[in-house]
Amino acid sequence: MKLEVVAIMVIGLFIIAFAFISSSGVYEWSGADSQAEEVVSELTGDSYQPWFKPIWEPPSGEIESLFFSLQAAIGGLIIGYFFGYYRKDRAT
C-alpha cells in the first residue's frame, strides 16, 4: 500500500471520529486534574482537604489553557532542538 493511500485513510478516520464526537452533543472539556478531584471526593465522601493551595490561579480557563499550550510548545522546541542536534552530530 502506498504512503499516500495510508495517509488518506488516516485523515479520513480522523474526520469520521471528529464528526461522530461532535454530533454526540457532549462538549465538556475537562482536564485530568478535575476528573481526579471528582473521583477522590466521591471516594472520601467530600471530606478530603488538599494539602496545598495554589500560589496563584489564572483568572480564566482560557489563560490557563494558554499557559499549558505555551509550556507544551517550549518543551517541543527544546526536544526538537536536541533531536536535530544529535541527528546532525551522528550524520557527520
N, C-alpha and C. Protein backbone atom coordinates (compact mmCIF):
# COMPACT_ATOMS: atom_id res chain seq x y z
N MET A 1 0.84 -1.17 0.00
CA MET A 1 0.00 0.00 0.00
C MET A 1 0.89 1.24 0.00
N LYS A 2 0.56 2.16 -0.84
CA LYS A 2 1.38 3.36 -0.93
C LYS A 2 1.15 4.28 0.26
N LEU A 3 2.12 5.11 0.52
CA LEU A 3 2.06 6.02 1.65
C LEU A 3 0.91 7.01 1.51
N GLU A 4 0.61 7.43 0.30
CA GLU A 4 -0.49 8.38 0.09
C GLU A 4 -1.83 7.78 0.49
N VAL A 5 -2.03 6.50 0.16
CA VAL A 5 -3.29 5.83 0.49
C VAL A 5 -3.43 5.70 2.00
N VAL A 6 -2.33 5.35 2.66
CA VAL A 6 -2.36 5.22 4.12
C VAL A 6 -2.65 6.58 4.76
N ALA A 7 -2.03 7.63 4.26
CA ALA A 7 -2.25 8.97 4.81
C ALA A 7 -3.69 9.41 4.61
N ILE A 8 -4.26 9.13 3.44
CA ILE A 8 -5.66 9.49 3.19
C ILE A 8 -6.60 8.70 4.09
N MET A 9 -6.28 7.43 4.34
CA MET A 9 -7.11 6.62 5.23
C MET A 9 -7.05 7.13 6.67
N VAL A 10 -5.88 7.53 7.12
CA VAL A 10 -5.73 8.05 8.49
C VAL A 10 -6.49 9.37 8.63
N ILE A 11 -6.37 10.25 7.65
CA ILE A 11 -7.08 11.52 7.68
C ILE A 11 -8.59 11.28 7.65
N GLY A 12 -9.04 10.35 6.83
CA GLY A 12 -10.46 10.01 6.79
C GLY A 12 -10.95 9.45 8.12
N LEU A 13 -10.14 8.64 8.78
CA LEU A 13 -10.50 8.10 10.08
C LEU A 13 -10.66 9.22 11.11
N PHE A 14 -9.75 10.19 11.09
CA PHE A 14 -9.86 11.33 12.00
C PHE A 14 -11.11 12.16 11.71
N ILE A 15 -11.43 12.35 10.45
CA ILE A 15 -12.63 13.13 10.09
C ILE A 15 -13.89 12.41 10.58
N ILE A 16 -13.93 11.09 10.40
CA ILE A 16 -15.09 10.31 10.86
C ILE A 16 -15.20 10.37 12.38
N ALA A 17 -14.08 10.22 13.08
CA ALA A 17 -14.10 10.29 14.55
C ALA A 17 -14.53 11.67 15.02
N PHE A 18 -14.04 12.72 14.37
CA PHE A 18 -14.43 14.09 14.74
C PHE A 18 -15.92 14.31 14.51
N ALA A 19 -16.44 13.84 13.39
CA ALA A 19 -17.86 14.00 13.10
C ALA A 19 -18.72 13.25 14.11
N PHE A 20 -18.29 12.05 14.48
CA PHE A 20 -19.05 11.27 15.46
C PHE A 20 -19.06 11.94 16.83
N ILE A 21 -17.90 12.40 17.28
CA ILE A 21 -17.81 13.02 18.61
C ILE A 21 -18.55 14.35 18.64
N SER A 22 -18.43 15.15 17.58
CA SER A 22 -19.10 16.45 17.58
C SER A 22 -20.61 16.31 17.44
N SER A 23 -21.10 15.22 16.90
CA SER A 23 -22.54 15.04 16.76
C SER A 23 -23.18 14.47 18.02
N SER A 24 -22.37 14.03 18.97
CA SER A 24 -22.94 13.43 20.18
C SER A 24 -23.53 14.47 21.12
N GLY A 25 -23.13 15.73 20.99
CA GLY A 25 -23.69 16.79 21.82
C GLY A 25 -23.02 16.96 23.16
N VAL A 26 -22.00 16.18 23.47
CA VAL A 26 -21.27 16.32 24.73
C VAL A 26 -20.03 17.15 24.46
N TYR A 27 -20.03 18.38 24.98
CA TYR A 27 -18.93 19.30 24.68
C TYR A 27 -18.18 19.69 25.95
N GLU A 28 -18.05 18.80 26.88
CA GLU A 28 -17.38 19.11 28.13
C GLU A 28 -15.91 18.76 28.01
N TRP A 29 -15.07 19.76 28.11
CA TRP A 29 -13.62 19.56 28.05
C TRP A 29 -13.07 19.82 29.45
N SER A 30 -12.75 18.79 30.16
CA SER A 30 -12.16 18.97 31.48
C SER A 30 -10.86 18.18 31.53
N GLY A 31 -9.94 18.68 32.30
CA GLY A 31 -8.65 18.04 32.40
C GLY A 31 -8.64 16.89 33.38
N ALA A 32 -7.52 16.21 33.44
CA ALA A 32 -7.38 15.07 34.33
C ALA A 32 -7.43 15.50 35.79
N ASP A 33 -6.98 16.72 36.09
CA ASP A 33 -6.99 17.18 37.48
C ASP A 33 -8.41 17.26 38.03
N SER A 34 -9.33 17.84 37.26
CA SER A 34 -10.70 17.97 37.75
C SER A 34 -11.39 16.61 37.82
N GLN A 35 -11.07 15.71 36.90
CA GLN A 35 -11.66 14.37 36.94
C GLN A 35 -11.14 13.61 38.16
N ALA A 36 -9.85 13.73 38.46
CA ALA A 36 -9.29 13.06 39.64
C ALA A 36 -9.88 13.64 40.91
N GLU A 37 -10.09 14.94 40.94
CA GLU A 37 -10.69 15.59 42.11
C GLU A 37 -12.10 15.06 42.36
N GLU A 38 -12.87 14.85 41.30
CA GLU A 38 -14.22 14.30 41.44
C GLU A 38 -14.18 12.88 42.00
N VAL A 39 -13.26 12.06 41.52
CA VAL A 39 -13.16 10.68 41.98
C VAL A 39 -12.76 10.64 43.45
N VAL A 40 -11.77 11.46 43.84
CA VAL A 40 -11.33 11.48 45.23
C VAL A 40 -12.45 11.96 46.14
N SER A 41 -13.20 12.96 45.72
CA SER A 41 -14.28 13.44 46.57
C SER A 41 -15.42 12.42 46.65
N GLU A 42 -15.63 11.61 45.63
CA GLU A 42 -16.62 10.53 45.71
C GLU A 42 -16.15 9.45 46.69
N LEU A 43 -14.86 9.10 46.62
CA LEU A 43 -14.34 8.03 47.47
C LEU A 43 -14.28 8.43 48.94
N THR A 44 -14.01 9.69 49.22
CA THR A 44 -13.86 10.13 50.61
C THR A 44 -15.13 10.74 51.17
N GLY A 45 -16.16 10.86 50.40
CA GLY A 45 -17.40 11.45 50.87
C GLY A 45 -17.29 12.94 51.11
N ASP A 46 -16.59 13.63 50.27
CA ASP A 46 -16.37 15.08 50.35
C ASP A 46 -15.64 15.52 51.61
N SER A 47 -14.87 14.63 52.24
CA SER A 47 -14.13 15.02 53.44
C SER A 47 -12.66 15.29 53.16
N TYR A 48 -12.24 15.15 51.92
CA TYR A 48 -10.83 15.35 51.56
C TYR A 48 -10.48 16.84 51.56
N GLN A 49 -9.39 17.18 52.18
CA GLN A 49 -8.86 18.54 52.17
C GLN A 49 -7.50 18.51 51.49
N PRO A 50 -7.27 19.33 50.45
CA PRO A 50 -5.97 19.31 49.77
C PRO A 50 -4.84 19.74 50.72
N TRP A 51 -3.66 19.20 50.46
CA TRP A 51 -2.51 19.53 51.28
C TRP A 51 -2.01 20.94 51.00
N PHE A 52 -2.05 21.33 49.73
CA PHE A 52 -1.51 22.63 49.33
C PHE A 52 -2.56 23.42 48.57
N LYS A 53 -2.44 24.70 48.60
CA LYS A 53 -3.28 25.58 47.79
C LYS A 53 -2.37 26.27 46.78
N PRO A 54 -2.86 26.52 45.57
CA PRO A 54 -2.02 27.19 44.58
C PRO A 54 -1.65 28.61 45.03
N ILE A 55 -0.44 29.02 44.66
CA ILE A 55 0.02 30.37 44.99
C ILE A 55 -0.78 31.39 44.18
N TRP A 56 -1.00 31.08 42.90
CA TRP A 56 -1.73 31.98 42.01
C TRP A 56 -2.59 31.15 41.09
N GLU A 57 -3.81 31.55 40.90
CA GLU A 57 -4.69 30.88 39.95
C GLU A 57 -4.98 31.82 38.79
N PRO A 58 -4.92 31.33 37.55
CA PRO A 58 -5.23 32.17 36.40
C PRO A 58 -6.66 32.69 36.50
N PRO A 59 -6.90 33.90 35.97
CA PRO A 59 -8.24 34.49 36.08
C PRO A 59 -9.32 33.74 35.29
N SER A 60 -8.93 32.98 34.27
CA SER A 60 -9.94 32.26 33.49
C SER A 60 -9.34 30.97 32.94
N GLY A 61 -10.22 30.11 32.44
CA GLY A 61 -9.78 28.86 31.85
C GLY A 61 -8.99 29.06 30.57
N GLU A 62 -9.29 30.15 29.85
CA GLU A 62 -8.57 30.42 28.60
C GLU A 62 -7.11 30.76 28.88
N ILE A 63 -6.86 31.53 29.94
CA ILE A 63 -5.49 31.87 30.31
C ILE A 63 -4.74 30.62 30.75
N GLU A 64 -5.42 29.77 31.50
CA GLU A 64 -4.81 28.51 31.94
C GLU A 64 -4.44 27.65 30.73
N SER A 65 -5.33 27.58 29.75
CA SER A 65 -5.05 26.82 28.52
C SER A 65 -3.88 27.44 27.76
N LEU A 66 -3.82 28.77 27.74
CA LEU A 66 -2.71 29.45 27.07
C LEU A 66 -1.38 29.07 27.71
N PHE A 67 -1.32 29.09 29.04
CA PHE A 67 -0.08 28.73 29.72
C PHE A 67 0.29 27.28 29.47
N PHE A 68 -0.71 26.40 29.46
CA PHE A 68 -0.44 24.99 29.20
C PHE A 68 0.10 24.78 27.80
N SER A 69 -0.51 25.43 26.81
CA SER A 69 -0.04 25.25 25.43
C SER A 69 1.32 25.90 25.22
N LEU A 70 1.57 27.01 25.91
CA LEU A 70 2.89 27.64 25.83
C LEU A 70 3.96 26.72 26.41
N GLN A 71 3.64 26.09 27.53
CA GLN A 71 4.58 25.14 28.15
C GLN A 71 4.84 23.97 27.21
N ALA A 72 3.81 23.45 26.56
CA ALA A 72 3.97 22.33 25.63
C ALA A 72 4.81 22.75 24.42
N ALA A 73 4.60 23.97 23.92
CA ALA A 73 5.35 24.44 22.76
C ALA A 73 6.82 24.61 23.10
N ILE A 74 7.12 25.17 24.26
CA ILE A 74 8.52 25.34 24.66
C ILE A 74 9.18 23.98 24.84
N GLY A 75 8.49 23.04 25.46
CA GLY A 75 9.04 21.69 25.62
C GLY A 75 9.28 21.02 24.27
N GLY A 76 8.34 21.20 23.34
CA GLY A 76 8.52 20.63 22.00
C GLY A 76 9.70 21.23 21.27
N LEU A 77 9.89 22.54 21.42
CA LEU A 77 11.04 23.19 20.79
C LEU A 77 12.35 22.68 21.36
N ILE A 78 12.41 22.51 22.66
CA ILE A 78 13.65 22.02 23.30
C ILE A 78 13.95 20.60 22.86
N ILE A 79 12.94 19.74 22.88
CA ILE A 79 13.14 18.35 22.46
C ILE A 79 13.52 18.29 20.98
N GLY A 80 12.84 19.07 20.13
CA GLY A 80 13.17 19.10 18.71
C GLY A 80 14.57 19.60 18.44
N TYR A 81 15.01 20.59 19.20
CA TYR A 81 16.37 21.11 19.03
C TYR A 81 17.40 20.02 19.33
N PHE A 82 17.22 19.30 20.44
CA PHE A 82 18.20 18.28 20.79
C PHE A 82 18.16 17.09 19.85
N PHE A 83 16.97 16.70 19.37
CA PHE A 83 16.92 15.63 18.36
C PHE A 83 17.65 16.06 17.09
N GLY A 84 17.43 17.29 16.63
CA GLY A 84 18.11 17.78 15.45
C GLY A 84 19.61 17.90 15.66
N TYR A 85 20.01 18.33 16.83
CA TYR A 85 21.43 18.48 17.14
C TYR A 85 22.13 17.13 17.11
N TYR A 86 21.55 16.13 17.76
CA TYR A 86 22.19 14.81 17.80
C TYR A 86 22.11 14.10 16.47
N ARG A 87 21.07 14.34 15.69
CA ARG A 87 20.99 13.73 14.37
C ARG A 87 22.07 14.31 13.46
N LYS A 88 22.28 15.63 13.55
CA LYS A 88 23.33 16.26 12.77
C LYS A 88 24.69 15.76 13.21
N ASP A 89 24.86 15.60 14.50
CA ASP A 89 26.12 15.10 15.04
C ASP A 89 26.41 13.69 14.53
N ARG A 90 25.38 12.86 14.46
CA ARG A 90 25.57 11.48 14.03
C ARG A 90 25.84 11.41 12.52
N ALA A 91 25.29 12.37 11.75
CA ALA A 91 25.43 12.36 10.30
C ALA A 91 26.86 12.73 9.88
N THR A 92 27.56 13.52 10.70
CA THR A 92 28.92 13.94 10.31
C THR A 92 29.98 13.01 10.80
